[in-house]
Structure formats: C-alpha cells, structure tokens
Protein backbone atom coordinates (compact mmCIF):
# COMPACT_ATOMS: atom_id res chain seq x y z
CA UNK A 1 1.26 -25.86 -2.46
CA UNK A 2 -2.47 -25.91 -1.87
CA UNK A 3 -4.78 -25.95 -4.88
CA UNK A 4 -8.53 -26.18 -4.51
CA UNK A 5 -10.72 -27.82 -7.21
CA UNK A 6 -13.87 -26.27 -5.84
CA UNK A 7 -15.12 -23.11 -4.21
CA UNK A 8 -14.45 -23.23 -0.42
CA UNK A 9 -17.79 -21.53 0.31
CA UNK A 10 -20.38 -23.01 -2.02
CA UNK A 11 -18.37 -26.08 -3.20
CA UNK A 12 -19.07 -25.29 -6.88
CA UNK A 13 -16.39 -26.59 -9.29
CA UNK A 14 -17.15 -23.64 -11.61
CA UNK A 15 -14.05 -21.65 -10.62
CA UNK A 16 -11.75 -19.56 -12.86
CA UNK A 17 -8.59 -17.47 -12.66
CA UNK A 18 -9.37 -13.83 -12.02
CA UNK A 19 -5.80 -12.51 -12.20
CA UNK A 20 -2.36 -13.12 -10.72
CA UNK A 21 -1.34 -11.02 -7.70
CA UNK A 22 2.25 -10.22 -6.70
CA UNK A 23 3.40 -10.37 -3.11
CA UNK A 24 4.64 -6.78 -3.13
CA UNK A 25 5.26 -6.85 0.62
CA UNK A 26 7.94 -9.46 0.87
CA UNK A 27 8.72 -12.23 -1.65
CA UNK A 28 7.80 -10.67 -5.05
CA UNK A 29 6.27 -14.03 -5.97
CA UNK A 30 3.00 -14.21 -7.94
CA UNK A 31 -0.08 -16.13 -6.74
CA UNK A 32 -3.18 -16.86 -8.77
CA UNK A 33 -6.43 -15.34 -7.45
CA UNK A 34 -9.49 -17.45 -8.38
CA UNK A 35 -13.14 -16.55 -8.40
CA UNK A 36 -16.19 -18.80 -8.14
CA UNK A 37 -18.52 -18.26 -11.06
CA UNK A 38 -21.48 -19.44 -8.98
CA UNK A 39 -21.26 -17.38 -5.76
CA UNK A 40 -18.48 -15.00 -6.82
CA UNK A 41 -16.23 -15.80 -3.85
CA UNK A 42 -12.55 -14.92 -4.40
CA UNK A 43 -9.69 -17.01 -3.00
CA UNK A 44 -5.92 -17.42 -3.32
CA UNK A 45 -4.68 -20.56 -5.04
CA UNK A 46 -1.27 -22.38 -4.98
CA UNK A 47 -0.42 -21.00 -1.58
CA UNK A 48 2.00 -22.73 0.83
CA UNK A 49 0.89 -25.39 3.27
CA UNK A 50 0.32 -24.08 6.78
CA UNK A 51 3.62 -25.49 8.04
CA UNK A 52 5.54 -23.61 5.38
CA UNK A 53 3.73 -20.29 5.17
CA UNK A 54 5.49 -18.83 8.24
CA UNK A 55 8.38 -17.44 6.11
CA UNK A 56 5.94 -15.05 4.37
CA UNK A 57 5.40 -13.35 7.74
CA UNK A 58 9.06 -13.17 8.67
CA UNK A 59 9.75 -9.47 8.30
CA UNK A 60 10.35 -6.78 10.88
CA UNK A 61 7.90 -4.65 8.80
CA UNK A 62 5.00 -7.05 9.38
CA UNK A 63 3.43 -4.57 11.77
CA UNK A 64 0.61 -6.69 13.17
CA UNK A 65 3.18 -9.08 14.55
CA UNK A 66 5.71 -6.51 15.63
CA UNK A 67 5.88 -3.14 17.36
CA UNK A 68 8.28 -1.51 14.91
CA UNK A 69 7.77 2.05 13.61
CA UNK A 70 10.74 2.15 11.33
CA UNK A 71 9.03 3.04 8.07
CA UNK A 72 6.48 5.68 7.14
CA UNK A 73 3.79 3.04 6.48
CA UNK A 74 4.45 1.61 9.95
CA UNK A 75 3.89 5.02 11.55
CA UNK A 76 0.73 5.47 9.51
CA UNK A 77 -0.56 2.06 10.64
CA UNK A 78 0.17 2.75 14.32
CA UNK A 79 -1.55 6.14 14.16
CA UNK A 80 -4.68 4.49 12.69
CA UNK A 81 -4.52 1.70 15.22
CA UNK A 82 -4.38 4.09 18.16
CA UNK A 83 -7.33 6.08 16.75
CA UNK A 84 -9.36 2.90 16.33
CA UNK A 85 -8.77 1.39 19.78
CA UNK A 86 -11.46 3.53 21.46
CA UNK A 87 -13.87 2.92 18.55
CA UNK A 88 -13.38 -0.85 18.88
CA UNK A 89 -13.81 -0.78 22.67
CA UNK A 90 -17.05 1.17 22.36
CA UNK A 91 -18.28 -1.19 19.64
CA UNK A 92 -17.82 -4.19 21.93
CA UNK A 93 -19.80 -2.60 24.73
CA UNK A 94 -22.52 -1.35 22.39
CA UNK A 95 -22.78 -4.73 20.63
CA UNK A 96 -22.95 -6.89 23.73
CA UNK A 97 -24.79 -4.39 25.94
CA UNK A 98 -22.18 -5.01 28.59
CA UNK A 99 -19.65 -2.80 30.37
CA UNK A 100 -17.61 -5.85 31.28
CA UNK A 101 -17.48 -9.55 30.65
CA UNK A 102 -15.27 -12.26 29.14
CA UNK A 103 -13.65 -11.51 25.79
CA UNK A 104 -11.53 -13.72 23.54
CA UNK A 105 -9.43 -11.88 20.94
CA UNK A 106 -8.31 -14.27 18.24
CA UNK A 107 -5.21 -13.05 16.43
CA UNK A 108 -4.34 -10.70 19.23
CA UNK A 109 -0.98 -9.64 17.73
CA UNK A 110 1.05 -7.45 20.03
CA UNK A 111 -1.93 -7.02 22.36
CA UNK A 112 -2.93 -3.38 22.08
CA UNK A 113 -6.67 -4.01 21.63
CA UNK A 114 -6.75 -6.81 24.21
CA UNK A 115 -5.02 -4.53 26.71
CA UNK A 116 -7.47 -1.68 26.06
CA UNK A 117 -10.30 -4.11 26.88
CA UNK A 118 -8.49 -5.33 29.98
CA UNK A 119 -8.09 -1.71 31.17
CA UNK A 120 -11.82 -1.21 30.56
CA UNK A 121 -12.56 -3.97 33.07
CA UNK A 122 -13.06 -6.99 30.79
CA UNK A 123 -11.58 -10.42 31.48
CA UNK A 124 -9.52 -10.95 28.33
CA UNK A 125 -7.78 -13.94 26.76
CA UNK A 126 -5.83 -13.72 23.54
CA UNK A 127 -4.87 -16.28 20.90
CA UNK A 128 -1.82 -15.50 18.77
CA UNK A 129 0.28 -17.69 16.48
CA UNK A 130 3.40 -15.50 16.45
CA UNK A 131 5.63 -16.33 19.38
CA UNK A 132 7.33 -12.90 19.18
CA UNK A 133 3.97 -11.03 19.25
CA UNK A 134 2.68 -13.38 21.97
CA UNK A 135 5.78 -12.82 24.17
CA UNK A 136 5.53 -9.08 23.64
CA UNK A 137 1.90 -8.88 24.70
CA UNK A 138 2.58 -10.98 27.78
CA UNK A 139 5.68 -9.02 28.92
CA UNK A 140 4.37 -5.56 27.90
CA UNK A 141 0.75 -5.82 29.07
CA UNK A 142 0.62 -8.96 31.32
CA UNK A 143 -2.01 -10.50 29.05
CA UNK A 144 -3.21 -14.13 29.08
CA UNK A 145 -2.32 -15.25 25.54
CA UNK A 146 -2.22 -18.78 24.22
CA UNK A 147 -1.13 -20.56 21.07
CA UNK A 148 -3.87 -21.38 18.50
CA UNK A 149 -3.46 -25.11 18.96
CA UNK A 150 -4.71 -24.63 22.53
CA UNK A 151 -8.12 -23.29 21.50
CA UNK A 152 -9.84 -26.66 21.90
CA UNK A 153 -8.92 -26.68 25.57
CA UNK A 154 -10.99 -23.57 26.32
CA UNK A 155 -14.28 -23.99 28.19
CA UNK A 156 -17.43 -24.04 26.06
CA UNK A 157 -19.97 -21.19 26.14
CA UNK A 158 -17.53 -19.09 28.21
CA UNK A 159 -17.21 -15.82 26.31
CA UNK A 160 -19.55 -12.86 25.93
CA UNK A 161 -17.64 -11.57 22.91
CA UNK A 162 -15.16 -13.00 20.49
CA UNK A 163 -13.28 -10.64 18.20
CA UNK A 164 -11.16 -11.19 15.06
CA UNK A 165 -9.65 -8.02 13.68
CA UNK A 166 -8.43 -8.82 10.15
CA UNK A 167 -7.60 -12.41 11.08
CA UNK A 168 -10.15 -14.75 9.46
CA UNK A 169 -8.69 -14.14 6.03
CA UNK A 170 -5.35 -15.73 7.19
CA UNK A 171 -6.78 -19.05 8.41
CA UNK A 172 -6.06 -22.17 6.42
CA UNK A 173 -9.25 -23.69 7.78
CA UNK A 174 -11.69 -20.90 8.60
CA UNK A 175 -14.56 -23.38 8.99
CA UNK A 176 -12.79 -25.12 11.90
CA UNK A 177 -12.29 -21.77 13.66
CA UNK A 178 -15.92 -20.84 13.05
CA UNK A 179 -16.95 -24.10 14.69
CA UNK A 180 -14.72 -23.34 17.69
CA UNK A 181 -16.14 -19.83 17.93
CA UNK A 182 -19.66 -21.27 17.92
CA UNK A 183 -18.70 -23.62 20.76
CA UNK A 184 -16.96 -20.94 22.87
CA UNK A 185 -19.50 -18.20 22.55
CA UNK A 186 -22.29 -17.83 25.09
CA UNK A 187 -25.79 -18.30 23.75
CA UNK A 188 -26.38 -14.53 23.71
CA UNK A 189 -22.77 -13.70 22.93
CA UNK A 190 -21.60 -11.73 19.89
CA UNK A 191 -18.74 -12.34 17.49
CA UNK A 192 -17.15 -9.32 15.80
CA UNK A 193 -15.13 -9.97 12.61
CA UNK A 194 -13.30 -7.28 10.59
CA UNK A 195 -12.31 -8.19 7.00
CA UNK A 196 -11.06 -6.48 3.86
CA UNK A 197 -13.91 -6.11 1.37
CA UNK A 198 -13.09 -7.54 -2.03
CA UNK A 199 -16.27 -5.91 -3.29
CA UNK A 200 -15.15 -2.41 -2.27
CA UNK A 201 -14.75 0.51 -4.59
CA UNK A 202 -11.06 0.64 -3.99
CA UNK A 203 -10.64 -3.10 -4.69
CA UNK A 204 -12.39 -2.66 -8.04
CA UNK A 205 -10.26 0.42 -8.79
CA UNK A 206 -6.83 -1.11 -7.99
CA UNK A 207 -7.50 -4.64 -9.24
CA UNK A 208 -4.44 -6.85 -8.84
CA UNK A 209 -2.60 -3.97 -7.14
CA UNK A 210 -5.10 -3.74 -4.28
CA UNK A 211 -2.98 -4.02 -1.17
CA UNK A 212 -5.58 -5.86 0.90
CA UNK A 213 -5.23 -8.95 -1.36
CA UNK A 214 -1.88 -9.35 0.49
CA UNK A 215 -1.14 -12.78 -0.99
CA UNK A 216 -0.21 -15.37 0.23
CA UNK A 217 -0.91 -14.18 3.79
CA UNK A 218 -4.54 -13.48 2.91
CA UNK A 219 -6.18 -16.65 1.56
CA UNK A 220 -9.90 -15.70 1.50
CA UNK A 221 -11.30 -12.52 0.00
CA UNK A 222 -14.83 -11.95 1.21
CA UNK A 223 -17.43 -9.38 0.15
CA UNK A 224 -20.72 -8.94 2.01
CA UNK A 225 -22.60 -11.50 -0.02
CA UNK A 226 -19.99 -14.29 0.18
CA UNK A 227 -19.47 -13.56 3.87
CA UNK A 228 -23.20 -14.02 4.41
CA UNK A 229 -22.97 -17.44 2.73
CA UNK A 230 -20.04 -18.33 5.01
CA UNK A 231 -21.82 -17.17 8.14
CA UNK A 232 -24.96 -19.14 7.29
CA UNK A 233 -22.94 -22.25 6.48
CA UNK A 234 -21.24 -22.11 9.89
CA UNK A 235 -24.40 -21.56 11.94
CA UNK A 236 -24.23 -17.74 12.38
CA UNK A 237 -26.34 -14.90 11.21
CA UNK A 238 -25.19 -11.37 10.55
CA UNK A 239 -26.80 -8.96 13.02
CA UNK A 240 -25.17 -5.80 11.61
CA UNK A 241 -22.51 -4.59 9.17
CA UNK A 242 -20.35 -1.53 9.78
CA UNK A 243 -17.32 -0.05 8.11
CA UNK A 244 -13.80 0.69 9.21
CA UNK A 245 -13.43 4.26 7.90
CA UNK A 246 -9.64 4.70 8.23
CA UNK A 247 -8.60 1.50 6.48
CA UNK A 248 -9.18 2.89 3.02
CA UNK A 249 -6.43 5.50 3.43
CA UNK A 250 -3.77 2.99 4.49
CA UNK A 251 -4.80 0.51 1.81
CA UNK A 252 -4.93 3.21 -0.88
CA UNK A 253 -1.47 4.45 0.13
CA UNK A 254 0.02 0.95 -0.12
CA UNK A 255 -1.87 0.21 -3.39
CA UNK A 256 -0.49 3.38 -4.93
CA UNK A 257 3.03 2.33 -3.86
CA UNK A 258 2.52 -1.17 -5.31
CA UNK A 259 1.50 0.20 -8.69
CA UNK A 260 4.47 2.49 -8.80
CA UNK A 261 2.95 5.95 -8.26
CA UNK A 262 5.47 8.79 -8.03
CA UNK A 263 3.85 10.15 -4.84
CA UNK A 264 2.04 7.23 -3.26
CA UNK A 265 1.15 8.94 0.04
CA UNK A 266 -0.40 12.02 -1.63
CA UNK A 267 -2.15 9.92 -4.30
CA UNK A 268 -3.37 7.46 -1.69
CA UNK A 269 -4.81 10.15 0.54
CA UNK A 270 -6.62 11.79 -2.36
CA UNK A 271 -8.02 8.49 -3.55
CA UNK A 272 -8.94 7.60 0.03
CA UNK A 273 -11.04 10.72 0.32
CA UNK A 274 -12.69 10.02 -3.04
CA UNK A 275 -13.50 6.40 -2.10
CA UNK A 276 -14.83 7.53 1.28
CA UNK A 277 -17.19 10.04 -0.27
CA UNK A 278 -18.48 7.45 -2.70
CA UNK A 279 -19.29 5.04 0.11
CA UNK A 280 -21.13 7.54 2.34
CA UNK A 281 -24.48 6.03 1.33
CA UNK A 282 -23.17 2.62 0.39
CA UNK A 283 -21.18 1.33 3.32
CA UNK A 284 -21.08 -2.23 2.01
CA UNK A 285 -18.70 -0.97 -0.67
CA UNK A 286 -16.21 0.31 1.93
CA UNK A 287 -12.61 -0.92 1.97
CA UNK A 288 -12.99 -2.89 5.20
CA UNK A 289 -16.14 -4.10 6.99
CA UNK A 290 -17.06 -5.20 10.48
CA UNK A 291 -19.52 -8.05 10.67
CA UNK A 292 -21.38 -8.50 13.97
CA UNK A 293 -22.54 -12.10 14.31
CA UNK A 294 -24.75 -14.02 16.68
CA UNK A 295 -25.81 -17.67 16.84
CA UNK A 296 -28.83 -18.59 14.78
C-alpha cells in the first residue's frame, strides 16, 4: 500500500483525514481520503502499488476499458460519450486553430475519441494501459496505440495537441507524465485535460458518496485551484477552463445509487438539473472541468 507523508502538490506535511470512501464499484473496500491543510488538495491514501492495482479495474462493467452495454449505467455512459465526441473534436480544432495535425490521446480506452479525430483528418496516436481496450481499438478502428511504457520512445515536440480525458487522476506518478507531455508537445501546442472537480457543488453535496472519487482507481482529486498549482509546478499555464455539462448527470445518478436512494436514476437526473442551474454563472463549480494548457 502507498502512504504519503506529505501533500503531492505543495509538499506540506500538514495533511489530515477528510473521510473514508468505499469502493462502491467493485471491491467494497474502504480507502482514506486525505486533504492538505495548506493548499487544500485532496488525495487517496493507502492505495495499492501500481503493479497490484490492476485487479481494481478487472470488471466487464468498467466501461472506459470495455465496450459493454449490459447495464443501464453503461448505456447512459455510452449515450453521453457519443454526444460528447463531436464537442471534443470541435474543442481540439478551436483550441489549436488547426483543422488537422498530430494528436496524442493518452488513456485512449476503446478508441472512440481517437477514431473520431482520425476520421476528421488528424494523425492520431493513442496510449492505453489496458491490453483488452488497446486490442479493441486496433482491431475495430485500425488505430496506432501503444503501451504507456513506450511513451519515452516518442519523438520530442511532435504533437500539436495532447489529450487526457479523465485519465490524469489515475496516474501513480502524474508529474512524470506531465514532464513527458511537456517534452512531446510542440512549442505552440495545446494540452487538453478533463478531470472530475472535487470542488464542485455535487462533490460537496454527496461527500463520501460522490461517485467521481472512485477510489482506488482515482488517486488525485483536483479542484481549479489545486490544478493551477500542479500546472505551474510542471511548467504549464492554464489558458482556459471549460466544463463538461453532461458529466454531472451520470455522476449524480451513480452517487444516488451509492448512497442507497430508492430511485437513483430519477433522483440523479433531478439533482443533475439542480446542480447544472447552480453552476450556470460559476462554471468552476461544475462536476467535471476541461483545462486547456500551454507551455509557459
């Protein structure tokens, strides 16, 4: 198990237990969630070493690594994913100012986003740790996807855009990946990172039942301020912050289910609408955020 004596972001030793979170998705084990009293960063403690954490992903229901649609939540996830593909593609073009170029998608999963960019005329490479997801994206879409340990072999300053859609929070060493992204990105390139927002209205509402804590798969729980600290520490600056408007509905549905609501879908949708209205003029309190980064 991994235990940190100091904050991973600001290195302060003034850290304390916030609450314990249950892995509702798979193991039913509890993991402590700590918060830094100095910078307020939240992070999972006592999580498995990288070589042992794979078993916490070993489920046919882990939708980002599979293409199943067996359960209702899977169907809901896939609907949201399909609706967001066009939005993500437009965001890349708008952010980079390019209609085509070289794109690296880190944590490419089963390849749907990478394929949509390929069909739009981009030269795309994916990085994916799951062999099952990697093989699916290669056989289904003919994508060029490599294992994460091959990232150091990629040519420096070779990509116009690097994307991480809900991936950074899984990394055991996010600082190493940030260093690689810095190396691989062209001088005028952009990095797009989507993350759950631990400072969101729904996170505060659900507390330890908030589905996006997703322990022990999610190790780091950023909000806008702590992500700014991380970006600055790794040599990036935040050019813009946007929200992912559909995530709150899926997260609210799961959170209602985790807390034992009688009608989790109905309750989740109602809460999702309420949270969405409350963030209309405060996007940095949205359930998930997209950070657009550039080199300093």
